[in-house]
PDB file of all heavy atoms in Angstrom:
ATOM      1  N   LYS A   1       8.948   3.604  -4.088  1.00  0.00           N
ATOM      2  CA  LYS A   1       8.485   3.262  -2.658  1.00  0.00           C
ATOM      3  C   LYS A   1       6.993   2.998  -2.565  1.00  0.00           C
ATOM      4  O   LYS A   1       6.625   2.461  -1.479  1.00  0.00           O
ATOM      5  CB  LYS A   1       8.856   4.339  -1.575  1.00  0.00           C
ATOM      6  CG  LYS A   1       8.258   5.673  -1.812  1.00  0.00           C
ATOM      7  CD  LYS A   1       8.777   6.753  -0.796  1.00  0.00           C
ATOM      8  CE  LYS A   1       8.119   8.052  -0.871  1.00  0.00           C
ATOM      9  NZ  LYS A   1       8.546   8.982   0.234  1.00  0.00           N
ATOM     10  N   TRP A   2       6.253   3.285  -3.567  1.00  0.00           N
ATOM     11  CA  TRP A   2       4.819   2.940  -3.485  1.00  0.00           C
ATOM     12  C   TRP A   2       4.539   1.601  -4.296  1.00  0.00           C
ATOM     13  O   TRP A   2       5.067   1.597  -5.496  1.00  0.00           O
ATOM     14  CB  TRP A   2       4.041   4.090  -4.006  1.00  0.00           C
ATOM     15  CG  TRP A   2       3.719   5.096  -3.062  1.00  0.00           C
ATOM     16  CD1 TRP A   2       2.861   5.190  -1.958  1.00  0.00           C
ATOM     17  CD2 TRP A   2       4.249   6.445  -2.970  1.00  0.00           C
ATOM     18  NE1 TRP A   2       2.935   6.292  -1.254  1.00  0.00           N
ATOM     19  CE2 TRP A   2       3.771   7.143  -1.807  1.00  0.00           C
ATOM     20  CE3 TRP A   2       5.260   7.162  -3.690  1.00  0.00           C
ATOM     21  CZ2 TRP A   2       4.155   8.405  -1.491  1.00  0.00           C
ATOM     22  CZ3 TRP A   2       5.699   8.402  -3.488  1.00  0.00           C
ATOM     23  CH2 TRP A   2       5.060   9.053  -2.284  1.00  0.00           C
ATOM     24  N   TYR A   3       3.889   0.725  -3.787  1.00  0.00           N
ATOM     25  CA  TYR A   3       3.470  -0.451  -4.460  1.00  0.00           C
ATOM     26  C   TYR A   3       1.975  -0.746  -4.454  1.00  0.00           C
ATOM     27  O   TYR A   3       1.379  -0.853  -3.427  1.00  0.00           O
ATOM     28  CB  TYR A   3       4.370  -1.555  -3.789  1.00  0.00           C
ATOM     29  CG  TYR A   3       5.783  -1.631  -4.046  1.00  0.00           C
ATOM     30  CD1 TYR A   3       6.513  -0.717  -3.223  1.00  0.00           C
ATOM     31  CD2 TYR A   3       6.449  -2.200  -4.925  1.00  0.00           C
ATOM     32  CE1 TYR A   3       7.859  -0.585  -3.454  1.00  0.00           C
ATOM     33  CE2 TYR A   3       7.699  -2.077  -5.186  1.00  0.00           C
ATOM     34  CZ  TYR A   3       8.544  -1.256  -4.395  1.00  0.00           C
ATOM     35  OH  TYR A   3       9.914  -1.073  -4.648  1.00  0.00           O
ATOM     36  N   ASN A   4       1.482  -0.777  -5.789  1.00  0.00           N
ATOM     37  CA  ASN A   4       0.068  -0.955  -5.905  1.00  0.00           C
ATOM     38  C   ASN A   4      -0.615  -2.117  -5.223  1.00  0.00           C
ATOM     39  O   ASN A   4       0.015  -3.280  -5.329  1.00  0.00           O
ATOM     40  CB  ASN A   4      -0.336  -0.893  -7.301  1.00  0.00           C
ATOM     41  CG  ASN A   4      -1.819  -1.081  -7.641  1.00  0.00           C
ATOM     42  OD1 ASN A   4      -2.579  -0.301  -7.127  1.00  0.00           O
ATOM     43  ND2 ASN A   4      -2.129  -2.045  -8.481  1.00  0.00           N
ATOM     44  N   VAL A   5      -1.699  -1.917  -4.535  1.00  0.00           N
ATOM     45  CA  VAL A   5      -2.571  -3.044  -4.049  1.00  0.00           C
ATOM     46  C   VAL A   5      -3.932  -3.087  -4.758  1.00  0.00           C
ATOM     47  O   VAL A   5      -4.733  -2.223  -4.488  1.00  0.00           O
ATOM     48  CB  VAL A   5      -2.821  -2.894  -2.559  1.00  0.00           C
ATOM     49  CG1 VAL A   5      -3.626  -4.082  -2.024  1.00  0.00           C
ATOM     50  CG2 VAL A   5      -1.481  -2.855  -1.800  1.00  0.00           C
ATOM     51  N   PRO A   6      -4.117  -3.919  -5.703  1.00  0.00           N
ATOM     52  CA  PRO A   6      -5.325  -4.056  -6.470  1.00  0.00           C
ATOM     53  C   PRO A   6      -6.533  -4.229  -5.407  1.00  0.00           C
ATOM     54  O   PRO A   6      -6.444  -5.064  -4.569  1.00  0.00           O
ATOM     55  CB  PRO A   6      -5.063  -5.181  -7.375  1.00  0.00           C
ATOM     56  CG  PRO A   6      -3.690  -5.310  -7.504  1.00  0.00           C
ATOM     57  CD  PRO A   6      -3.092  -4.916  -6.150  1.00  0.00           C
ATOM     58  N   ARG A   7      -7.497  -3.472  -5.634  1.00  0.00           N
ATOM     59  CA  ARG A   7      -8.720  -3.477  -4.640  1.00  0.00           C
ATOM     60  C   ARG A   7      -9.418  -4.948  -4.911  1.00  0.00           C
ATOM     61  O   ARG A   7     -10.024  -5.410  -3.877  1.00  0.00           O
ATOM     62  CB  ARG A   7      -9.679  -2.385  -5.021  1.00  0.00           C
ATOM     63  CG  ARG A   7      -9.232  -1.161  -4.272  1.00  0.00           C
ATOM     64  CD  ARG A   7     -10.324  -0.011  -4.395  1.00  0.00           C
ATOM     65  NE  ARG A   7      -9.989   1.156  -3.643  1.00  0.00           N
ATOM     66  CZ  ARG A   7     -10.384   1.445  -2.371  1.00  0.00           C
ATOM     67  NH1 ARG A   7     -10.987   0.514  -1.740  1.00  0.00           N
ATOM     68  NH2 ARG A   7      -9.917   2.556  -1.783  1.00  0.00           N
ATOM     69  N   SER A   8      -9.129  -5.587  -5.969  1.00  0.00           N
ATOM     70  CA  SER A   8      -9.888  -6.837  -6.191  1.00  0.00           C
ATOM     71  C   SER A   8      -9.201  -7.893  -5.286  1.00  0.00           C
ATOM     72  O   SER A   8      -9.824  -9.072  -5.143  1.00  0.00           O
ATOM     73  CB  SER A   8      -9.720  -7.328  -7.579  1.00  0.00           C
ATOM     74  OG  SER A   8      -8.380  -7.428  -8.139  1.00  0.00           O
ATOM     75  N   PHE A   9      -8.094  -7.571  -4.622  1.00  0.00           N
ATOM     76  CA  PHE A   9      -7.393  -8.553  -3.794  1.00  0.00           C
ATOM     77  C   PHE A   9      -8.023  -8.389  -2.362  1.00  0.00           C
ATOM     78  O   PHE A   9      -7.700  -9.237  -1.480  1.00  0.00           O
ATOM     79  CB  PHE A   9      -5.908  -8.304  -3.627  1.00  0.00           C
ATOM     80  CG  PHE A   9      -5.029  -8.681  -4.926  1.00  0.00           C
ATOM     81  CD1 PHE A   9      -3.684  -8.432  -4.996  1.00  0.00           C
ATOM     82  CD2 PHE A   9      -5.658  -9.307  -5.973  1.00  0.00           C
ATOM     83  CE1 PHE A   9      -3.010  -8.776  -6.029  1.00  0.00           C
ATOM     84  CE2 PHE A   9      -4.973  -9.790  -7.078  1.00  0.00           C
ATOM     85  CZ  PHE A   9      -3.559  -9.425  -7.035  1.00  0.00           C
ATOM     86  N   LEU A  10      -8.823  -7.413  -2.045  1.00  0.00           N
ATOM     87  CA  LEU A  10      -9.170  -7.115  -0.737  1.00  0.00           C
ATOM     88  C   LEU A  10     -10.550  -7.592  -0.364  1.00  0.00           C
ATOM     89  O   LEU A  10     -11.453  -7.688  -1.165  1.00  0.00           O
ATOM     90  CB  LEU A  10      -9.109  -5.509  -0.570  1.00  0.00           C
ATOM     91  CG  LEU A  10      -7.729  -4.891  -0.773  1.00  0.00           C
ATOM     92  CD1 LEU A  10      -7.899  -3.448  -0.498  1.00  0.00           C
ATOM     93  CD2 LEU A  10      -6.618  -5.484   0.110  1.00  0.00           C
ATOM     94  N   LYS A  11     -10.750  -7.798   0.957  1.00  0.00           N
ATOM     95  CA  LYS A  11     -11.979  -8.063   1.518  1.00  0.00           C
ATOM     96  C   LYS A  11     -12.370  -6.812   2.366  1.00  0.00           C
ATOM     97  O   LYS A  11     -11.466  -5.908   2.613  1.00  0.00           O
ATOM     98  CB  LYS A  11     -11.914  -9.283   2.574  1.00  0.00           C
ATOM     99  CG  LYS A  11     -11.388 -10.595   1.965  1.00  0.00           C
ATOM    100  CD  LYS A  11     -11.309 -11.661   3.059  1.00  0.00           C
ATOM    101  CE  LYS A  11     -10.165 -11.308   4.030  1.00  0.00           C
ATOM    102  NZ  LYS A  11      -9.962 -12.407   4.938  1.00  0.00           N
ATOM    103  N   PRO A  12     -13.624  -6.646   2.748  1.00  0.00           N
ATOM    104  CA  PRO A  12     -13.949  -5.377   3.520  1.00  0.00           C
ATOM    105  C   PRO A  12     -13.174  -5.312   4.715  1.00  0.00           C
ATOM    106  O   PRO A  12     -12.793  -4.078   5.166  1.00  0.00           O
ATOM    107  CB  PRO A  12     -15.396  -5.566   3.785  1.00  0.00           C
ATOM    108  CG  PRO A  12     -15.975  -6.505   2.645  1.00  0.00           C
ATOM    109  CD  PRO A  12     -14.815  -7.459   2.418  1.00  0.00           C
ATOM    110  N   THR A  13     -12.949  -6.353   5.489  1.00  0.00           N
ATOM    111  CA  THR A  13     -12.222  -6.338   6.769  1.00  0.00           C
ATOM    112  C   THR A  13     -11.281  -7.550   6.866  1.00  0.00           C
ATOM    113  O   THR A  13     -11.404  -8.443   6.102  1.00  0.00           O
ATOM    114  CB  THR A  13     -13.164  -6.387   7.952  1.00  0.00           C
ATOM    115  OG1 THR A  13     -13.914  -7.534   7.933  1.00  0.00           O
ATOM    116  CG2 THR A  13     -14.102  -5.148   7.954  1.00  0.00           C
ATOM    117  N   GLY A  14     -10.289  -7.380   7.665  1.00  0.00           N
ATOM    118  CA  GLY A  14      -9.531  -8.524   8.091  1.00  0.00           C
ATOM    119  C   GLY A  14      -8.517  -8.994   6.946  1.00  0.00           C
ATOM    120  O   GLY A  14      -8.252 -10.168   6.726  1.00  0.00           O
ATOM    121  N   ASN A  15      -7.963  -8.022   6.218  1.00  0.00           N
ATOM    122  CA  ASN A  15      -6.870  -8.377   5.178  1.00  0.00           C
ATOM    123  C   ASN A  15      -5.559  -8.591   5.802  1.00  0.00           C
ATOM    124  O   ASN A  15      -5.189  -7.839   6.632  1.00  0.00           O
ATOM    125  CB  ASN A  15      -6.925  -7.307   4.161  1.00  0.00           C
ATOM    126  CG  ASN A  15      -8.241  -7.017   3.464  1.00  0.00           C
ATOM    127  OD1 ASN A  15      -8.641  -7.768   2.583  1.00  0.00           O
ATOM    128  ND2 ASN A  15      -8.972  -5.897   3.784  1.00  0.00           N
ATOM    129  N   GLN A  16      -5.064  -9.696   5.331  1.00  0.00           N
ATOM    130  CA  GLN A  16      -3.607 -10.049   5.866  1.00  0.00           C
ATOM    131  C   GLN A  16      -2.604  -9.514   5.027  1.00  0.00           C
ATOM    132  O   GLN A  16      -2.595  -9.800   3.771  1.00  0.00           O
ATOM    133  CB  GLN A  16      -3.544 -11.528   5.979  1.00  0.00           C
ATOM    134  CG  GLN A  16      -2.199 -11.935   6.542  1.00  0.00           C
ATOM    135  CD  GLN A  16      -2.129 -13.462   6.820  1.00  0.00           C
ATOM    136  OE1 GLN A  16      -2.456 -13.900   7.904  1.00  0.00           O
ATOM    137  NE2 GLN A  16      -1.802 -14.271   5.790  1.00  0.00           N
ATOM    138  N   LEU A  17      -1.620  -8.840   5.615  1.00  0.00           N
ATOM    139  CA  LEU A  17      -0.415  -8.326   4.860  1.00  0.00           C
ATOM    140  C   LEU A  17       0.768  -8.963   5.452  1.00  0.00           C
ATOM    141  O   LEU A  17       0.963  -9.079   6.670  1.00  0.00           O
ATOM    142  CB  LEU A  17      -0.258  -6.835   5.177  1.00  0.00           C
ATOM    143  CG  LEU A  17       1.073  -6.151   4.710  1.00  0.00           C
ATOM    144  CD1 LEU A  17       1.268  -6.223   3.359  1.00  0.00           C
ATOM    145  CD2 LEU A  17       1.087  -4.767   5.293  1.00  0.00           C
ATOM    146  N   VAL A  18       1.528  -9.620   4.506  1.00  0.00           N
ATOM    147  CA  VAL A  18       2.798 -10.409   4.949  1.00  0.00           C
ATOM    148  C   VAL A  18       3.948  -9.855   4.130  1.00  0.00           C
ATOM    149  O   VAL A  18       3.844  -9.678   2.975  1.00  0.00           O
ATOM    150  CB  VAL A  18       2.679 -11.948   4.764  1.00  0.00           C
ATOM    151  CG1 VAL A  18       3.870 -12.606   4.955  1.00  0.00           C
ATOM    152  CG2 VAL A  18       1.443 -12.471   5.644  1.00  0.00           C
ATOM    153  N   ILE A  19       4.991  -9.584   4.797  1.00  0.00           N
ATOM    154  CA  ILE A  19       6.130  -8.969   4.101  1.00  0.00           C
ATOM    155  C   ILE A  19       7.423  -9.865   4.579  1.00  0.00           C
ATOM    156  O   ILE A  19       7.551 -10.170   5.639  1.00  0.00           O
ATOM    157  CB  ILE A  19       6.364  -7.595   4.714  1.00  0.00           C
ATOM    158  CG1 ILE A  19       5.244  -6.743   4.301  1.00  0.00           C
ATOM    159  CG2 ILE A  19       7.593  -7.043   4.115  1.00  0.00           C
ATOM    160  CD1 ILE A  19       5.324  -5.234   4.784  1.00  0.00           C
ATOM    161  N   LEU A  20       8.196 -10.163   3.546  1.00  0.00           N
ATOM    162  CA  LEU A  20       9.530 -10.671   3.784  1.00  0.00           C
ATOM    163  C   LEU A  20      10.592  -9.595   3.680  1.00  0.00           C
ATOM    164  O   LEU A  20      10.631  -8.984   2.483  1.00  0.00           O
ATOM    165  CB  LEU A  20       9.951 -11.793   2.769  1.00  0.00           C
ATOM    166  CG  LEU A  20      11.298 -12.192   2.696  1.00  0.00           C
ATOM    167  CD1 LEU A  20      11.744 -12.816   3.976  1.00  0.00           C
ATOM    168  CD2 LEU A  20      11.575 -13.189   1.572  1.00  0.00           C
ATOM    169  N   GLU A  21      11.262  -9.266   4.723  1.00  0.00           N
ATOM    170  CA  GLU A  21      12.336  -8.264   4.640  1.00  0.00           C
ATOM    171  C   GLU A  21      13.721  -8.901   4.656  1.00  0.00           C
ATOM    172  O   GLU A  21      14.055  -9.527   5.588  1.00  0.00           O
ATOM    173  CB  GLU A  21      12.169  -7.228   5.790  1.00  0.00           C
ATOM    174  CG  GLU A  21      13.250  -6.256   5.899  1.00  0.00           C
ATOM    175  CD  GLU A  21      13.512  -5.415   4.656  1.00  0.00           C
ATOM    176  OE1 GLU A  21      12.449  -4.831   4.208  1.00  0.00           O
ATOM    177  OE2 GLU A  21      14.606  -5.319   4.201  1.00  0.00           O
ATOM    178  N   GLU A  22      14.437  -8.660   3.507  1.00  0.00           N
ATOM    179  CA  GLU A  22      15.760  -9.215   3.531  1.00  0.00           C
ATOM    180  C   GLU A  22      16.878  -8.542   4.250  1.00  0.00           C
ATOM    181  O   GLU A  22      17.754  -9.039   4.690  1.00  0.00           O
ATOM    182  CB  GLU A  22      16.290  -9.394   1.968  1.00  0.00           C
ATOM    183  CG  GLU A  22      15.502 -10.399   1.145  1.00  0.00           C
ATOM    184  CD  GLU A  22      16.036 -10.408  -0.164  1.00  0.00           C
ATOM    185  OE1 GLU A  22      17.279  -9.973  -0.387  1.00  0.00           O
ATOM    186  OE2 GLU A  22      15.266 -10.703  -1.164  1.00  0.00           O
ATOM    187  N   GLU A  23      16.542  -7.142   4.365  1.00  0.00           N
ATOM    188  CA  GLU A  23      17.619  -6.305   5.004  1.00  0.00           C
ATOM    189  C   GLU A  23      17.143  -6.008   6.470  1.00  0.00           C
ATOM    190  O   GLU A  23      16.827  -6.894   7.132  1.00  0.00           O
ATOM    191  CB  GLU A  23      17.817  -5.114   4.141  1.00  0.00           C
ATOM    192  CG  GLU A  23      18.322  -5.503   2.736  1.00  0.00           C
ATOM    193  CD  GLU A  23      18.615  -4.411   1.837  1.00  0.00           C
ATOM    194  OE1 GLU A  23      18.089  -3.264   2.093  1.00  0.00           O
ATOM    195  OE2 GLU A  23      19.315  -4.548   0.735  1.00  0.00           O
ATOM    196  N   THR A  24      17.045  -4.672   6.750  1.00  0.00           N
ATOM    197  CA  THR A  24      16.603  -4.365   8.138  1.00  0.00           C
ATOM    198  C   THR A  24      15.776  -3.227   8.101  1.00  0.00           C
ATOM    199  O   THR A  24      15.828  -2.043   8.615  1.00  0.00           O
ATOM    200  CB  THR A  24      17.913  -3.809   8.851  1.00  0.00           C
ATOM    201  OG1 THR A  24      18.596  -2.826   8.159  1.00  0.00           O
ATOM    202  CG2 THR A  24      18.899  -5.011   9.212  1.00  0.00           C
ATOM    203  N   GLY A  25      14.553  -3.515   7.448  1.00  0.00           N
ATOM    204  CA  GLY A  25      13.531  -2.444   7.387  1.00  0.00           C
ATOM    205  C   GLY A  25      12.827  -2.366   8.579  1.00  0.00           C
ATOM    206  O   GLY A  25      12.839  -3.143   9.509  1.00  0.00           O
ATOM    207  N   ASN A  26      12.002  -1.296   8.690  1.00  0.00           N
ATOM    208  CA  ASN A  26      11.146  -1.046   9.926  1.00  0.00           C
ATOM    209  C   ASN A  26       9.622  -1.038   9.500  1.00  0.00           C
ATOM    210  O   ASN A  26       9.244  -0.004   8.977  1.00  0.00           O
ATOM    211  CB  ASN A  26      11.596   0.420  10.348  1.00  0.00           C
ATOM    212  CG  ASN A  26      10.729   0.863  11.645  1.00  0.00           C
ATOM    213  OD1 ASN A  26      10.153   0.005  12.243  1.00  0.00           O
ATOM    214  ND2 ASN A  26      10.770   2.116  11.919  1.00  0.00           N
ATOM    215  N   PRO A  27       8.946  -2.081   9.906  1.00  0.00           N
ATOM    216  CA  PRO A  27       7.528  -2.118   9.399  1.00  0.00           C
ATOM    217  C   PRO A  27       6.554  -1.121  10.043  1.00  0.00           C
ATOM    218  O   PRO A  27       5.519  -0.876   9.464  1.00  0.00           O
ATOM    219  CB  PRO A  27       7.129  -3.635   9.904  1.00  0.00           C
ATOM    220  CG  PRO A  27       8.169  -3.890  10.915  1.00  0.00           C
ATOM    221  CD  PRO A  27       9.436  -3.250  10.628  1.00  0.00           C
ATOM    222  N   ILE A  28       7.013  -0.557  11.185  1.00  0.00           N
ATOM    223  CA  ILE A  28       6.053   0.350  11.843  1.00  0.00           C
ATOM    224  C   ILE A  28       6.093   1.667  11.099  1.00  0.00           C
ATOM    225  O   ILE A  28       5.259   2.635  11.385  1.00  0.00           O
ATOM    226  CB  ILE A  28       6.291   0.505  13.315  1.00  0.00           C
ATOM    227  CG1 ILE A  28       7.621   1.208  13.531  1.00  0.00           C
ATOM    228  CG2 ILE A  28       6.108  -0.682  13.980  1.00  0.00           C
ATOM    229  CD1 ILE A  28       7.884   1.495  14.933  1.00  0.00           C
ATOM    230  N   GLY A  29       6.882   1.861  10.028  1.00  0.00           N
ATOM    231  CA  GLY A  29       6.953   3.080   9.230  1.00  0.00           C
ATOM    232  C   GLY A  29       6.029   2.911   7.989  1.00  0.00           C
ATOM    233  O   GLY A  29       5.964   3.877   7.117  1.00  0.00           O
ATOM    234  N   ILE A  30       5.504   1.791   7.782  1.00  0.00           N
ATOM    235  CA  ILE A  30       4.668   1.504   6.521  1.00  0.00           C
ATOM    236  C   ILE A  30       3.311   2.088   6.648  1.00  0.00           C
ATOM    237  O   ILE A  30       2.693   2.272   7.723  1.00  0.00           O
ATOM    238  CB  ILE A  30       4.472   0.010   6.340  1.00  0.00           C
ATOM    239  CG1 ILE A  30       5.776  -0.647   6.015  1.00  0.00           C
ATOM    240  CG2 ILE A  30       3.555  -0.323   5.235  1.00  0.00           C
ATOM    241  CD1 ILE A  30       5.784  -2.225   5.962  1.00  0.00           C
ATOM    242  N   SER A  31       2.726   2.623   5.476  1.00  0.00           N
ATOM    243  CA  SER A  31       1.512   3.123   5.525  1.00  0.00           C
ATOM    244  C   SER A  31       0.695   2.648   4.289  1.00  0.00           C
ATOM    245  O   SER A  31       1.396   2.308   3.276  1.00  0.00           O
ATOM    246  CB  SER A  31       1.519   4.758   5.533  1.00  0.00           C
ATOM    247  OG  SER A  31       2.072   5.340   4.440  1.00  0.00           O
ATOM    248  N   LEU A  32      -0.652   2.717   4.419  1.00  0.00           N
ATOM    249  CA  LEU A  32      -1.390   2.335   3.170  1.00  0.00           C
ATOM    250  C   LEU A  32      -2.062   3.670   2.746  1.00  0.00           C
ATOM    251  O   LEU A  32      -2.674   4.408   3.393  1.00  0.00           O
ATOM    252  CB  LEU A  32      -2.639   1.454   3.631  1.00  0.00           C
ATOM    253  CG  LEU A  32      -3.444   0.789   2.446  1.00  0.00           C
ATOM    254  CD1 LEU A  32      -2.672  -0.079   1.592  1.00  0.00           C
ATOM    255  CD2 LEU A  32      -4.619   0.148   3.069  1.00  0.00           C
ATOM    256  N   ASP A  33      -1.670   4.070   1.468  1.00  0.00           N
ATOM    257  CA  ASP A  33      -2.060   5.315   0.941  1.00  0.00           C
ATOM    258  C   ASP A  33      -2.996   5.251  -0.172  1.00  0.00           C
ATOM    259  O   ASP A  33      -2.962   4.247  -1.017  1.00  0.00           O
ATOM    260  CB  ASP A  33      -0.763   6.017   0.430  1.00  0.00           C
ATOM    261  CG  ASP A  33       0.385   6.343   1.393  1.00  0.00           C
ATOM    262  OD1 ASP A  33       0.044   6.010   2.574  1.00  0.00           O
ATOM    263  OD2 ASP A  33       1.361   6.831   1.142  1.00  0.00           O
ATOM    264  N   SER A  34      -3.912   6.211  -0.171  1.00  0.00           N
ATOM    265  CA  SER A  34      -4.910   6.320  -1.231  1.00  0.00           C
ATOM    266  C   SER A  34      -4.336   7.258  -2.292  1.00  0.00           C
ATOM    267  O   SER A  34      -3.550   8.170  -1.959  1.00  0.00           O
ATOM    268  CB  SER A  34      -6.150   6.903  -0.939  1.00  0.00           C
ATOM    269  OG  SER A  34      -6.017   8.173  -0.407  1.00  0.00           O
ATOM    270  N   ILE A  35      -4.654   7.045  -3.558  1.00  0.00           N
ATOM    271  CA  ILE A  35      -4.056   7.828  -4.706  1.00  0.00           C
ATOM    272  C   ILE A  35      -5.171   8.551  -5.438  1.00  0.00           C
ATOM    273  O   ILE A  35      -6.104   7.823  -5.890  1.00  0.00           O
ATOM    274  CB  ILE A  35      -3.272   6.847  -5.661  1.00  0.00           C
ATOM    275  CG1 ILE A  35      -2.240   6.085  -4.863  1.00  0.00           C
ATOM    276  CG2 ILE A  35      -2.689   7.823  -6.673  1.00  0.00           C
ATOM    277  CD1 ILE A  35      -1.629   4.981  -5.705  1.00  0.00           C
ATOM    278  N   SER A  36      -5.162   9.896  -5.476  1.00  0.00           N
ATOM    279  CA  SER A  36      -6.259  10.561  -6.194  1.00  0.00           C
ATOM    280  C   SER A  36      -5.650  11.503  -7.147  1.00  0.00           C
ATOM    281  O   SER A  36      -4.481  12.056  -6.880  1.00  0.00           O
ATOM    282  CB  SER A  36      -7.175  11.225  -5.199  1.00  0.00           C
ATOM    283  OG  SER A  36      -6.538  12.124  -4.359  1.00  0.00           O
ATOM    284  N   ILE A  37      -6.319  11.883  -8.097  1.00  0.00           N
ATOM    285  CA  ILE A  37      -5.957  12.868  -9.035  1.00  0.00           C
ATOM    286  C   ILE A  37      -6.481  14.207  -8.523  1.00  0.00           C
ATOM    287  O   ILE A  37      -7.694  14.457  -8.497  1.00  0.00           O
ATOM    288  CB  ILE A  37      -6.455  12.603 -10.469  1.00  0.00           C
ATOM    289  CG1 ILE A  37      -6.069  11.204 -11.056  1.00  0.00           C
ATOM    290  CG2 ILE A  37      -6.044  13.775 -11.401  1.00  0.00           C
ATOM    291  CD1 ILE A  37      -4.496  11.122 -11.083  1.00  0.00           C
ATOM    292  N   THR A  38      -5.695  15.131  -8.169  1.00  0.00           N
ATOM    293  CA  THR A  38      -6.051  16.390  -7.675  1.00  0.00           C
ATOM    294  C   THR A  38      -5.935  17.573  -8.665  1.00  0.00           C
ATOM    295  O   THR A  38      -6.654  18.625  -8.458  1.00  0.00           O
ATOM    296  CB  THR A  38      -5.179  16.756  -6.496  1.00  0.00           C
ATOM    297  OG1 THR A  38      -3.776  16.728  -6.844  1.00  0.00           O
ATOM    298  CG2 THR A  38      -5.363  15.677  -5.306  1.00  0.00           C
ATOM    299  N   LYS A  39      -5.169  17.395  -9.694  1.00  0.00           N
ATOM    300  CA  LYS A  39      -4.984  18.421 -10.714  1.00  0.00           C
ATOM    301  C   LYS A  39      -4.952  17.913 -12.120  1.00  0.00           C
ATOM    302  O   LYS A  39      -4.553  16.681 -12.229  1.00  0.00           O
ATOM    303  CB  LYS A  39      -3.736  19.278 -10.422  1.00  0.00           C
ATOM    304  CG  LYS A  39      -3.704  20.138  -9.245  1.00  0.00           C
ATOM    305  CD  LYS A  39      -2.749  21.200  -9.265  1.00  0.00           C
ATOM    306  CE  LYS A  39      -1.320  20.836  -9.589  1.00  0.00           C
ATOM    307  NZ  LYS A  39      -0.310  21.875  -9.674  1.00  0.00           N
ATOM    308  N   THR A  40      -5.383  18.568 -13.150  1.00  0.00           N
ATOM    309  CA  THR A  40      -5.220  18.259 -14.474  1.00  0.00           C
ATOM    310  C   THR A  40      -4.787  19.410 -15.300  1.00  0.00           C
ATOM    311  O   THR A  40      -5.168  20.464 -15.042  1.00  0.00           O
ATOM    312  CB  THR A  40      -6.493  17.694 -14.997  1.00  0.00           C
ATOM    313  OG1 THR A  40      -6.352  17.394 -16.381  1.00  0.00           O
ATOM    314  CG2 THR A  40      -7.749  18.733 -14.849  1.00  0.00           C
ATOM    315  N   CYS A  41      -3.704  19.186 -16.079  1.00  0.00           N
ATOM    316  CA  CYS A  41      -3.172  20.198 -16.851  1.00  0.00           C
ATOM    317  C   CYS A  41      -3.075  19.891 -18.370  1.00  0.00           C
ATOM    318  O   CYS A  41      -2.786  18.712 -18.701  1.00  0.00           O
ATOM    319  CB  CYS A  41      -1.780  20.575 -16.257  1.00  0.00           C
ATOM    320  SG  CYS A  41      -0.762  21.797 -17.181  1.00  0.00           S
ATOM    321  N   GLY A  42      -3.339  20.829 -19.211  1.00  0.00           N
ATOM    322  CA  GLY A  42      -3.308  20.594 -20.618  1.00  0.00           C
ATOM    323  C   GLY A  42      -2.502  21.680 -21.263  1.00  0.00           C
ATOM    324  O   GLY A  42      -2.489  22.823 -20.919  1.00  0.00           O
TER     325      GLY A  42
END
């Protein structure tokens, strides 16, 4: 359910997101998430 957005694709502001939905998705449930490493185990 998570799909990477390379930062090299982005501008500081006004980035356009376009989605083609074949089925019956709900776009207002989408979020842009940051990914960070919070733990490391060896």
